[in-house]
PDB file of N, CA and C in Angstrom:
ATOM      1  N   UNK A   1     173.804 103.215 129.686  1.00  0.00           N
ATOM      2  CA  UNK A   1     172.608 102.987 129.990  1.00  0.00           C
ATOM      3  C   UNK A   1     172.437 103.414 131.950  1.00  0.00           C
ATOM      4  N   UNK A   2     173.658 103.094 132.185  1.00  0.00           N
ATOM      5  CA  UNK A   2     173.642 103.756 133.691  1.00  0.00           C
ATOM      6  C   UNK A   2     173.462 105.216 134.070  1.00  0.00           C
ATOM      7  N   UNK A   3     173.868 106.109 133.343  1.00  0.00           N
ATOM      8  CA  UNK A   3     174.229 107.498 133.468  1.00  0.00           C
ATOM      9  C   UNK A   3     172.276 107.756 133.377  1.00  0.00           C
ATOM     10  N   UNK A   4     171.797 106.958 131.970  1.00  0.00           N
ATOM     11  CA  UNK A   4     170.565 107.357 132.271  1.00  0.00           C
ATOM     12  C   UNK A   4     169.088 106.814 133.238  1.00  0.00           C
ATOM     13  N   UNK A   5     169.878 105.761 133.793  1.00  0.00           N
ATOM     14  CA  UNK A   5     169.108 105.060 134.959  1.00  0.00           C
ATOM     15  C   UNK A   5     169.243 106.466 136.240  1.00  0.00           C
ATOM     16  N   UNK A   6     170.671 106.766 135.917  1.00  0.00           N
ATOM     17  CA  UNK A   6     171.109 107.460 137.641  1.00  0.00           C
ATOM     18  C   UNK A   6     170.406 108.937 137.117  1.00  0.00           C
ATOM     19  N   UNK A   7     169.921 109.730 135.907  1.00  0.00           N
ATOM     20  CA  UNK A   7     169.156 110.499 135.226  1.00  0.00           C
ATOM     21  C   UNK A   7     167.614 110.016 136.098  1.00  0.00           C
ATOM     22  N   UNK A   8     166.673 108.963 136.044  1.00  0.00           N
ATOM     23  CA  UNK A   8     165.723 109.031 135.876  1.00  0.00           C
ATOM     24  C   UNK A   8     165.671 108.583 137.985  1.00  0.00           C
ATOM     25  N   UNK A   9     166.534 107.942 138.472  1.00  0.00           N
ATOM     26  CA  UNK A   9     166.559 107.842 139.660  1.00  0.00           C
ATOM     27  C   UNK A   9     166.870 109.226 140.745  1.00  0.00           C
ATOM     28  N   UNK A  10     167.637 109.839 140.296  1.00  0.00           N
ATOM     29  CA  UNK A  10     167.577 110.823 140.829  1.00  0.00           C
ATOM     30  C   UNK A  10     166.378 111.916 140.981  1.00  0.00           C
ATOM     31  N   UNK A  11     165.610 111.809 139.863  1.00  0.00           N
ATOM     32  CA  UNK A  11     164.206 112.408 140.093  1.00  0.00           C
ATOM     33  C   UNK A  11     163.314 112.061 141.220  1.00  0.00           C
ATOM     34  N   UNK A  12     163.671 110.568 140.167  1.00  0.00           N
ATOM     35  CA  UNK A  12     162.463 109.623 141.533  1.00  0.00           C
ATOM     36  C   UNK A  12     163.117 108.948 142.065  1.00  0.00           C
ATOM     37  N   UNK A  13     163.488 109.179 143.197  1.00  0.00           N
ATOM     38  CA  UNK A  13     163.863 108.843 144.252  1.00  0.00           C
ATOM     39  C   UNK A  13     163.421 107.350 144.832  1.00  0.00           C
ATOM     40  N   UNK A  14     162.284 107.238 145.080  1.00  0.00           N
ATOM     41  CA  UNK A  14     161.336 106.041 145.353  1.00  0.00           C
ATOM     42  C   UNK A  14     161.560 104.943 144.322  1.00  0.00           C
ATOM     43  N   UNK A  15     161.782 104.745 143.146  1.00  0.00           N
ATOM     44  CA  UNK A  15     162.070 103.964 142.141  1.00  0.00           C
ATOM     45  C   UNK A  15     163.480 103.434 142.420  1.00  0.00           C
ATOM     46  N   UNK A  16     164.076 103.604 143.793  1.00  0.00           N
ATOM     47  CA  UNK A  16     165.395 103.191 144.070  1.00  0.00           C
ATOM     48  C   UNK A  16     165.253 101.646 144.975  1.00  0.00           C
ATOM     49  N   UNK A  17     164.124 101.457 145.507  1.00  0.00           N
ATOM     50  CA  UNK A  17     163.853 100.518 146.125  1.00  0.00           C
ATOM     51  C   UNK A  17     162.700  99.447 145.474  1.00  0.00           C
ATOM     52  N   UNK A  18     162.522  98.013 145.504  1.00  0.00           N
ATOM     53  CA  UNK A  18     161.423  97.560 145.513  1.00  0.00           C
ATOM     54  C   UNK A  18     161.378  96.534 145.878  1.00  0.00           C
ATOM     55  N   UNK A  19     161.696  96.722 146.855  1.00  0.00           N
ATOM     56  CA  UNK A  19     161.659  95.298 148.115  1.00  0.00           C
ATOM     57  C   UNK A  19     160.028  94.866 148.574  1.00  0.00           C
ATOM     58  N   UNK A  20     159.259  95.793 148.210  1.00  0.00           N
ATOM     59  CA  UNK A  20     157.492  95.296 148.330  1.00  0.00           C
ATOM     60  C   UNK A  20     156.927  96.649 147.277  1.00  0.00           C
ATOM     61  N   UNK A  21     156.717  95.840 146.230  1.00  0.00           N
ATOM     62  CA  UNK A  21     155.784  96.406 145.122  1.00  0.00           C
ATOM     63  C   UNK A  21     154.399  96.560 145.753  1.00  0.00           C
ATOM     64  N   UNK A  22     153.877  98.146 145.626  1.00  0.00           N
ATOM     65  CA  UNK A  22     152.339  98.247 146.454  1.00  0.00           C
ATOM     66  C   UNK A  22     151.325  98.182 145.463  1.00  0.00           C
ATOM     67  N   UNK A  23     151.795  97.234 144.041  1.00  0.00           N
ATOM     68  CA  UNK A  23     150.767  96.275 143.220  1.00  0.00           C
ATOM     69  C   UNK A  23     151.199  95.287 142.467  1.00  0.00           C
ATOM     70  N   UNK A  24     150.583  94.736 142.136  1.00  0.00           N
ATOM     71  CA  UNK A  24     151.022  93.770 141.120  1.00  0.00           C
ATOM     72  C   UNK A  24     151.521  94.093 140.055  1.00  0.00           C
ATOM     73  N   UNK A  25     151.086  95.702 139.369  1.00  0.00           N
ATOM     74  CA  UNK A  25     151.452  96.055 138.607  1.00  0.00           C
ATOM     75  C   UNK A  25     152.986  96.560 138.542  1.00  0.00           C
ATOM     76  N   UNK A  26     153.132  96.777 139.590  1.00  0.00           N
ATOM     77  CA  UNK A  26     154.629  97.270 139.687  1.00  0.00           C
ATOM     78  C   UNK A  26     155.453  95.939 140.144  1.00  0.00           C
ATOM     79  N   UNK A  27     155.163  94.984 140.987  1.00  0.00           N
ATOM     80  CA  UNK A  27     155.414  94.334 140.991  1.00  0.00           C
ATOM     81  C   UNK A  27     156.253  93.170 139.571  1.00  0.00           C
ATOM     82  N   UNK A  28     155.470  93.335 138.491  1.00  0.00           N
ATOM     83  CA  UNK A  28     155.585  92.936 137.247  1.00  0.00           C
ATOM     84  C   UNK A  28     156.360  93.913 135.876  1.00  0.00           C
ATOM     85  N   UNK A  29     156.595  95.258 136.674  1.00  0.00           N
ATOM     86  CA  UNK A  29     157.122  95.831 136.187  1.00  0.00           C
ATOM     87  C   UNK A  29     158.985  95.495 136.476  1.00  0.00           C
ATOM     88  N   UNK A  30     158.806  95.624 138.198  1.00  0.00           N
ATOM     89  CA  UNK A  30     160.239  95.164 138.679  1.00  0.00           C
ATOM     90  C   UNK A  30     160.790  93.876 137.978  1.00  0.00           C
ATOM     91  N   UNK A  31     159.903  92.600 137.946  1.00  0.00           N
ATOM     92  CA  UNK A  31     160.377  91.115 137.438  1.00  0.00           C
ATOM     93  C   UNK A  31     160.807  91.728 135.817  1.00  0.00           C
ATOM     94  N   UNK A  32     160.170  92.805 134.904  1.00  0.00           N
ATOM     95  CA  UNK A  32     161.060  92.746 133.491  1.00  0.00           C
ATOM     96  C   UNK A  32     162.284  93.721 133.737  1.00  0.00           C
ATOM     97  N   UNK A  33     162.179  94.550 134.979  1.00  0.00           N
ATOM     98  CA  UNK A  33     163.460  95.548 135.211  1.00  0.00           C
ATOM     99  C   UNK A  33     164.360  94.408 135.122  1.00  0.00           C
ATOM    100  N   UNK A  34     164.223  93.307 136.130  1.00  0.00           N
ATOM    101  CA  UNK A  34     165.041  92.898 136.797  1.00  0.00           C
ATOM    102  C   UNK A  34     165.626  91.713 135.592  1.00  0.00           C
ATOM    103  N   UNK A  35     164.540  91.377 134.841  1.00  0.00           N
ATOM    104  CA  UNK A  35     165.251  90.003 134.154  1.00  0.00           C
ATOM    105  C   UNK A  35     165.983  90.668 133.182  1.00  0.00           C
ATOM    106  N   UNK A  36     165.852  91.865 132.939  1.00  0.00           N
ATOM    107  CA  UNK A  36     166.256  92.569 131.505  1.00  0.00           C
ATOM    108  C   UNK A  36     167.895  92.900 132.335  1.00  0.00           C
ATOM    109  N   UNK A  37     168.102  93.383 133.439  1.00  0.00           N
ATOM    110  CA  UNK A  37     169.317  93.879 134.072  1.00  0.00           C
ATOM    111  C   UNK A  37     170.153  92.436 134.497  1.00  0.00           C
ATOM    112  N   UNK A  38     169.623  91.260 134.269  1.00  0.00           N
ATOM    113  CA  UNK A  38     170.412  90.050 134.550  1.00  0.00           C
ATOM    114  C   UNK A  38     170.859  90.020 132.940  1.00  0.00           C
ATOM    115  N   UNK A  39     170.046  89.925 132.089  1.00  0.00           N
ATOM    116  CA  UNK A  39     170.047  89.794 130.714  1.00  0.00           C
ATOM    117  C   UNK A  39     171.412  90.523 130.582  1.00  0.00           C
ATOM    118  N   UNK A  40     171.855  91.842 130.709  1.00  0.00           N
ATOM    119  CA  UNK A  40     172.764  92.782 130.486  1.00  0.00           C
ATOM    120  C   UNK A  40     173.697  92.210 130.940  1.00  0.00           C
ATOM    121  N   UNK A  41     173.953  91.566 132.508  1.00  0.00           N
ATOM    122  CA  UNK A  41     175.033  91.215 132.791  1.00  0.00           C
ATOM    123  C   UNK A  41     175.413  90.015 132.483  1.00  0.00           C
ATOM    124  N   UNK A  42     174.422  89.071 131.927  1.00  0.00           N
ATOM    125  CA  UNK A  42     174.773  87.669 131.490  1.00  0.00           C
ATOM    126  C   UNK A  42     175.203  88.308 129.983  1.00  0.00           C
ATOM    127  N   UNK A  43     175.341  89.379 129.115  1.00  0.00           N
ATOM    128  CA  UNK A  43     175.772  89.458 128.280  1.00  0.00           C
ATOM    129  C   UNK A  43     177.439  90.326 128.381  1.00  0.00           C
ATOM    130  N   UNK A  44     177.199  90.911 129.612  1.00  0.00           N
ATOM    131  CA  UNK A  44     178.912  91.322 129.864  1.00  0.00           C
ATOM    132  C   UNK A  44     179.281  89.904 130.605  1.00  0.00           C
ATOM    133  N   UNK A  45     179.469  88.907 131.108  1.00  0.00           N
ATOM    134  CA  UNK A  45     180.043  87.979 131.607  1.00  0.00           C
ATOM    135  C   UNK A  45     180.128  87.413 130.218  1.00  0.00           C
ATOM    136  N   UNK A  46     179.511  86.906 129.321  1.00  0.00           N
ATOM    137  CA  UNK A  46     179.986  86.472 127.989  1.00  0.00           C
ATOM    138  C   UNK A  46     181.192  87.424 127.377  1.00  0.00           C
ATOM    139  N   UNK A  47     181.084  88.505 127.320  1.00  0.00           N
ATOM    140  CA  UNK A  47     182.215  89.398 127.160  1.00  0.00           C
ATOM    141  C   UNK A  47     183.685  89.274 127.447  1.00  0.00           C
ATOM    142  N   UNK A  48     183.100  88.553 128.970  1.00  0.00           N
ATOM    143  CA  UNK A  48     184.487  88.348 129.882  1.00  0.00           C
ATOM    144  C   UNK A  48     184.683  89.777 130.989  1.00  0.00           C
ATOM    145  N   UNK A  49     183.411  90.581 131.224  1.00  0.00           N
ATOM    146  CA  UNK A  49     183.693  91.672 132.016  1.00  0.00           C
ATOM    147  C   UNK A  49     183.680  91.121 133.391  1.00  0.00           C
ATOM    148  N   UNK A  50     182.661  90.045 133.180  1.00  0.00           N
ATOM    149  CA  UNK A  50     182.139  89.635 134.555  1.00  0.00           C
ATOM    150  C   UNK A  50     183.598  88.165 134.660  1.00  0.00           C
ATOM    151  N   UNK A  51     183.531  87.796 135.735  1.00  0.00           N
ATOM    152  CA  UNK A  51     184.012  86.491 136.245  1.00  0.00           C
ATOM    153  C   UNK A  51     182.914  85.488 135.373  1.00  0.00           C
ATOM    154  N   UNK A  52     183.471  84.089 134.955  1.00  0.00           N
ATOM    155  CA  UNK A  52     181.887  83.318 134.093  1.00  0.00           C
ATOM    156  C   UNK A  52     181.611  82.334 135.289  1.00  0.00           C
ATOM    157  N   UNK A  53     182.371  82.774 136.790  1.00  0.00           N
ATOM    158  CA  UNK A  53     180.799  81.952 137.974  1.00  0.00           C
ATOM    159  C   UNK A  53     180.614  82.877 138.785  1.00  0.00           C
ATOM    160  N   UNK A  54     180.111  84.311 138.029  1.00  0.00           N
ATOM    161  CA  UNK A  54     179.820  85.328 138.998  1.00  0.00           C
ATOM    162  C   UNK A  54     178.209  85.055 139.144  1.00  0.00           C
ATOM    163  N   UNK A  55     177.708  85.492 140.106  1.00  0.00           N
ATOM    164  CA  UNK A  55     176.049  85.100 140.683  1.00  0.00           C
ATOM    165  C   UNK A  55     175.618  86.685 139.921  1.00  0.00           C
ATOM    166  N   UNK A  56     174.925  86.077 139.071  1.00  0.00           N
ATOM    167  CA  UNK A  56     173.984  87.110 137.949  1.00  0.00           C
ATOM    168  C   UNK A  56     173.484  87.749 139.114  1.00  0.00           C
ATOM    169  N   UNK A  57     172.255  87.149 139.968  1.00  0.00           N
ATOM    170  CA  UNK A  57     170.988  87.974 140.622  1.00  0.00           C
ATOM    171  C   UNK A  57     171.858  88.466 141.902  1.00  0.00           C
ATOM    172  N   UNK A  58     172.723  88.098 142.417  1.00  0.00           N
ATOM    173  CA  UNK A  58     173.674  88.558 143.484  1.00  0.00           C
ATOM    174  C   UNK A  58     174.536  89.913 142.835  1.00  0.00           C
ATOM    175  N   UNK A  59     175.283  90.092 141.736  1.00  0.00           N
ATOM    176  CA  UNK A  59     175.446  91.251 140.815  1.00  0.00           C
ATOM    177  C   UNK A  59     174.384  92.046 140.841  1.00  0.00           C
ATOM    178  N   UNK A  60     173.243  91.907 140.051  1.00  0.00           N
ATOM    179  CA  UNK A  60     172.120  92.682 140.030  1.00  0.00           C
ATOM    180  C   UNK A  60     172.287  93.606 140.994  1.00  0.00           C
ATOM    181  N   UNK A  61     171.852  92.677 142.340  1.00  0.00           N
ATOM    182  CA  UNK A  61     171.592  93.226 143.602  1.00  0.00           C
ATOM    183  C   UNK A  61     172.418  94.303 143.858  1.00  0.00           C
ATOM    184  N   UNK A  62     174.184  94.066 143.899  1.00  0.00           N
ATOM    185  CA  UNK A  62     175.029  94.755 144.209  1.00  0.00           C
ATOM    186  C   UNK A  62     175.165  96.274 143.388  1.00  0.00           C
ATOM    187  N   UNK A  63     174.643  96.109 142.136  1.00  0.00           N
ATOM    188  CA  UNK A  63     174.512  97.190 140.969  1.00  0.00           C
ATOM    189  C   UNK A  63     173.915  97.770 141.457  1.00  0.00           C
ATOM    190  N   UNK A  64     172.388  97.783 141.920  1.00  0.00           N
ATOM    191  CA  UNK A  64     171.277  98.525 142.102  1.00  0.00           C
ATOM    192  C   UNK A  64     171.463  99.118 143.719  1.00  0.00           C
ATOM    193  N   UNK A  65     172.329  98.438 144.467  1.00  0.00           N
ATOM    194  CA  UNK A  65     173.054  99.399 145.753  1.00  0.00           C
ATOM    195  C   UNK A  65     173.929 100.077 145.039  1.00  0.00           C
ATOM    196  N   UNK A  66     174.923  99.734 144.178  1.00  0.00           N
ATOM    197  CA  UNK A  66     175.449 100.895 143.960  1.00  0.00           C
ATOM    198  C   UNK A  66     174.925 102.379 143.110  1.00  0.00           C
ATOM    199  N   UNK A  67     174.089 102.662 142.495  1.00  0.00           N
ATOM    200  CA  UNK A  67     173.144 102.854 142.063  1.00  0.00           C
ATOM    201  C   UNK A  67     172.518 104.127 143.066  1.00  0.00           C
ATOM    202  N   UNK A  68     172.018 103.587 143.908  1.00  0.00           N
ATOM    203  CA  UNK A  68     171.597 104.410 145.212  1.00  0.00           C
ATOM    204  C   UNK A  68     172.457 104.872 145.844  1.00  0.00           C
ATOM    205  N   UNK A  69     173.485 104.461 146.306  1.00  0.00           N
ATOM    206  CA  UNK A  69     174.830 104.984 146.711  1.00  0.00           C
ATOM    207  C   UNK A  69     175.580 106.136 145.965  1.00  0.00           C
ATOM    208  N   UNK A  70     175.607 105.773 144.941  1.00  0.00           N
ATOM    209  CA  UNK A  70     175.947 106.742 143.800  1.00  0.00           C
ATOM    210  C   UNK A  70     175.368 108.354 144.148  1.00  0.00           C
ATOM    211  N   UNK A  71     174.006 107.964 144.210  1.00  0.00           N
ATOM    212  CA  UNK A  71     172.883 109.096 144.287  1.00  0.00           C
ATOM    213  C   UNK A  71     173.242 109.861 145.826  1.00  0.00           C
ATOM    214  N   UNK A  72     173.331 108.871 146.515  1.00  0.00           N
ATOM    215  CA  UNK A  72     173.664 109.826 148.111  1.00  0.00           C
ATOM    216  C   UNK A  72     174.815 109.955 148.263  1.00  0.00           C
ATOM    217  N   UNK A  73     175.500 109.892 147.497  1.00  0.00           N
ATOM    218  CA  UNK A  73     176.948 110.334 148.125  1.00  0.00           C
ATOM    219  C   UNK A  73     177.197 111.294 149.334  1.00  0.00           C
ATOM    220  N   UNK A  74     177.823 111.163 149.590  1.00  0.00           N
ATOM    221  CA  UNK A  74     178.102 112.589 150.666  1.00  0.00           C
ATOM    222  C   UNK A  74     178.950 113.843 149.968  1.00  0.00           C
ATOM    223  N   UNK A  75     178.383 115.161 150.351  1.00  0.00           N
ATOM    224  CA  UNK A  75     178.743 116.070 149.923  1.00  0.00           C
ATOM    225  C   UNK A  75     178.128 116.306 148.348  1.00  0.00           C
ATOM    226  N   UNK A  76     177.831 115.040 147.763  1.00  0.00           N
ATOM    227  CA  UNK A  76     177.090 115.261 146.561  1.00  0.00           C
ATOM    228  C   UNK A  76     176.278 116.829 146.183  1.00  0.00           C
ATOM    229  N   UNK A  77     175.451 116.999 147.361  1.00  0.00           N
ATOM    230  CA  UNK A  77     174.792 118.261 147.074  1.00  0.00           C
ATOM    231  C   UNK A  77     175.453 119.623 147.019  1.00  0.00           C
ATOM    232  N   UNK A  78     176.507 119.496 147.537  1.00  0.00           N
ATOM    233  CA  UNK A  78     177.281 120.681 147.673  1.00  0.00           C
ATOM    234  C   UNK A  78     177.930 121.153 146.173  1.00  0.00           C
ATOM    235  N   UNK A  79     178.232 119.847 145.780  1.00  0.00           N
ATOM    236  CA  UNK A  79     179.228 120.089 144.287  1.00  0.00           C
ATOM    237  C   UNK A  79     178.106 119.916 143.434  1.00  0.00           C
ATOM    238  N   UNK A  80     177.887 120.534 142.489  1.00  0.00           N
ATOM    239  CA  UNK A  80     176.942 119.824 141.314  1.00  0.00           C
ATOM    240  C   UNK A  80     177.696 118.989 140.146  1.00  0.00           C
ATOM    241  N   UNK A  81     179.061 119.554 140.409  1.00  0.00           N
ATOM    242  CA  UNK A  81     180.008 118.054 139.521  1.00  0.00           C
ATOM    243  C   UNK A  81     179.447 116.937 139.816  1.00  0.00           C
ATOM    244  N   UNK A  82     179.694 116.716 141.515  1.00  0.00           N
ATOM    245  CA  UNK A  82     179.583 115.313 142.179  1.00  0.00           C
ATOM    246  C   UNK A  82     178.602 114.788 141.344  1.00  0.00           C
ATOM    247  N   UNK A  83     177.330 115.072 140.815  1.00  0.00           N
ATOM    248  CA  UNK A  83     176.067 114.960 140.512  1.00  0.00           C
ATOM    249  C   UNK A  83     175.904 114.404 139.543  1.00  0.00           C
ATOM    250  N   UNK A  84     177.391 114.790 138.682  1.00  0.00           N
ATOM    251  CA  UNK A  84     177.105 114.446 137.055  1.00  0.00           C
ATOM    252  C   UNK A  84     176.970 113.163 136.693  1.00  0.00           C
ATOM    253  N   UNK A  85     175.839 112.779 136.044  1.00  0.00           N
ATOM    254  CA  UNK A  85     174.884 111.242 136.015  1.00  0.00           C
ATOM    255  C   UNK A  85     176.140 110.194 135.193  1.00  0.00           C
ATOM    256  N   UNK A  86     176.754 111.055 134.169  1.00  0.00           N
ATOM    257  CA  UNK A  86     178.060 110.027 133.234  1.00  0.00           C
ATOM    258  C   UNK A  86     178.995 110.254 134.110  1.00  0.00           C
ATOM    259  N   UNK A  87     179.616 111.072 135.166  1.00  0.00           N
ATOM    260  CA  UNK A  87     181.003 110.418 135.970  1.00  0.00           C
ATOM    261  C   UNK A  87     180.276 109.673 137.096  1.00  0.00           C
ATOM    262  N   UNK A  88     179.411 109.725 138.346  1.00  0.00           N
ATOM    263  CA  UNK A  88     178.570 108.173 138.760  1.00  0.00           C
ATOM    264  C   UNK A  88     178.309 107.327 137.971  1.00  0.00           C
ATOM    265  N   UNK A  89     177.731 107.071 136.744  1.00  0.00           N
ATOM    266  CA  UNK A  89     177.885 106.055 136.266  1.00  0.00           C
ATOM    267  C   UNK A  89     179.494 105.700 135.632  1.00  0.00           C
ATOM    268  N   UNK A  90     180.411 106.320 135.611  1.00  0.00           N
ATOM    269  CA  UNK A  90     181.608 105.730 135.497  1.00  0.00           C
ATOM    270  C   UNK A  90     181.605 105.086 136.558  1.00  0.00           C
ATOM    271  N   UNK A  91     181.787 105.665 138.007  1.00  0.00           N
ATOM    272  CA  UNK A  91     182.090 105.170 139.309  1.00  0.00           C
ATOM    273  C   UNK A  91     181.297 104.233 139.250  1.00  0.00           C
ATOM    274  N   UNK A  92     180.146 103.980 139.521  1.00  0.00           N
ATOM    275  CA  UNK A  92     179.444 102.931 139.853  1.00  0.00           C
ATOM    276  C   UNK A  92     179.500 101.539 139.093  1.00  0.00           C
ATOM    277  N   UNK A  93     180.172 101.827 137.435  1.00  0.00           N
ATOM    278  CA  UNK A  93     180.550 100.486 136.672  1.00  0.00           C
ATOM    279  C   UNK A  93     182.104 100.119 137.068  1.00  0.00           C
ATOM    280  N   UNK A  94     182.703 101.634 137.089  1.00  0.00           N
ATOM    281  CA  UNK A  94     184.274 100.708 137.452  1.00  0.00           C
ATOM    282  C   UNK A  94     184.146 100.035 139.084  1.00  0.00           C
ATOM    283  N   UNK A  95     183.427 100.149 140.011  1.00  0.00           N
ATOM    284  CA  UNK A  95     183.646  99.477 140.702  1.00  0.00           C
ATOM    285  C   UNK A  95     182.880  98.157 140.994  1.00  0.00           C
ATOM    286  N   UNK A  96     181.750  98.139 139.981  1.00  0.00           N
ATOM    287  CA  UNK A  96     181.091  97.069 140.009  1.00  0.00           C
ATOM    288  C   UNK A  96     181.809  96.011 139.298  1.00  0.00           C
ATOM    289  N   UNK A  97     182.789  96.557 138.443  1.00  0.00           N
ATOM    290  CA  UNK A  97     183.632  95.821 137.470  1.00  0.00           C
ATOM    291  C   UNK A  97     185.311  95.511 137.971  1.00  0.00           C
ATOM    292  N   UNK A  98     185.466  96.335 138.506  1.00  0.00           N
ATOM    293  CA  UNK A  98     186.990  96.050 139.530  1.00  0.00           C
ATOM    294  C   UNK A  98     186.818  96.243 140.865  1.00  0.00           C
ATOM    295  N   UNK A  99     185.934  96.711 141.585  1.00  0.00           N
ATOM    296  CA  UNK A  99     185.976  96.965 142.922  1.00  0.00           C
ATOM    297  C   UNK A  99     186.922  97.837 143.385  1.00  0.00           C
ATOM    298  N   UNK A 100     187.298  97.854 144.705  1.00  0.00           N
ATOM    299  CA  UNK A 100     188.237  99.060 145.083  1.00  0.00           C
ATOM    300  C   UNK A 100     189.686  98.541 145.044  1.00  0.00           C
ATOM    301  N   UNK A 101     190.315  96.983 144.737  1.00  0.00           N
ATOM    302  CA  UNK A 101     191.275  97.165 144.863  1.00  0.00           C
ATOM    303  C   UNK A 101     192.062  97.431 143.899  1.00  0.00           C
ATOM    304  N   UNK A 102     193.682  97.035 144.110  1.00  0.00           N
ATOM    305  CA  UNK A 102     194.369  97.707 143.085  1.00  0.00           C
ATOM    306  C   UNK A 102     194.106  97.086 141.404  1.00  0.00           C
ATOM    307  N   UNK A 103     194.399  97.735 140.460  1.00  0.00           N
ATOM    308  CA  UNK A 103     194.048  97.096 139.372  1.00  0.00           C
ATOM    309  C   UNK A 103     195.326  96.646 138.989  1.00  0.00           C
ATOM    310  N   UNK A 104     195.700  95.851 137.823  1.00  0.00           N
ATOM    311  CA  UNK A 104     196.764  95.322 137.438  1.00  0.00           C
ATOM    312  C   UNK A 104     196.756  94.787 136.020  1.00  0.00           C
TER     313      UNK A 104
END
């Protein structure tokens, strides 16, 4: 799913931010997207991929931020391989689930 989101957002960069929806229709769409994302994160939490006490609204915001950062990664415009949605999705999910700390 994350790779598909990155494919769309790479083409439609304006969709990366929804801080101030321009219409009630846009606000409704973002509410639906936010709800779906939190539901997905709740499933991940139930599967113990996220901590049981993780703040899912905060995690959603972090996920959105990671998507934006993955697309704006320095040097990505110079290296087509660095723009691969599947590789970027793996980077986003790995960072979301494990952070930058050591794996053990």
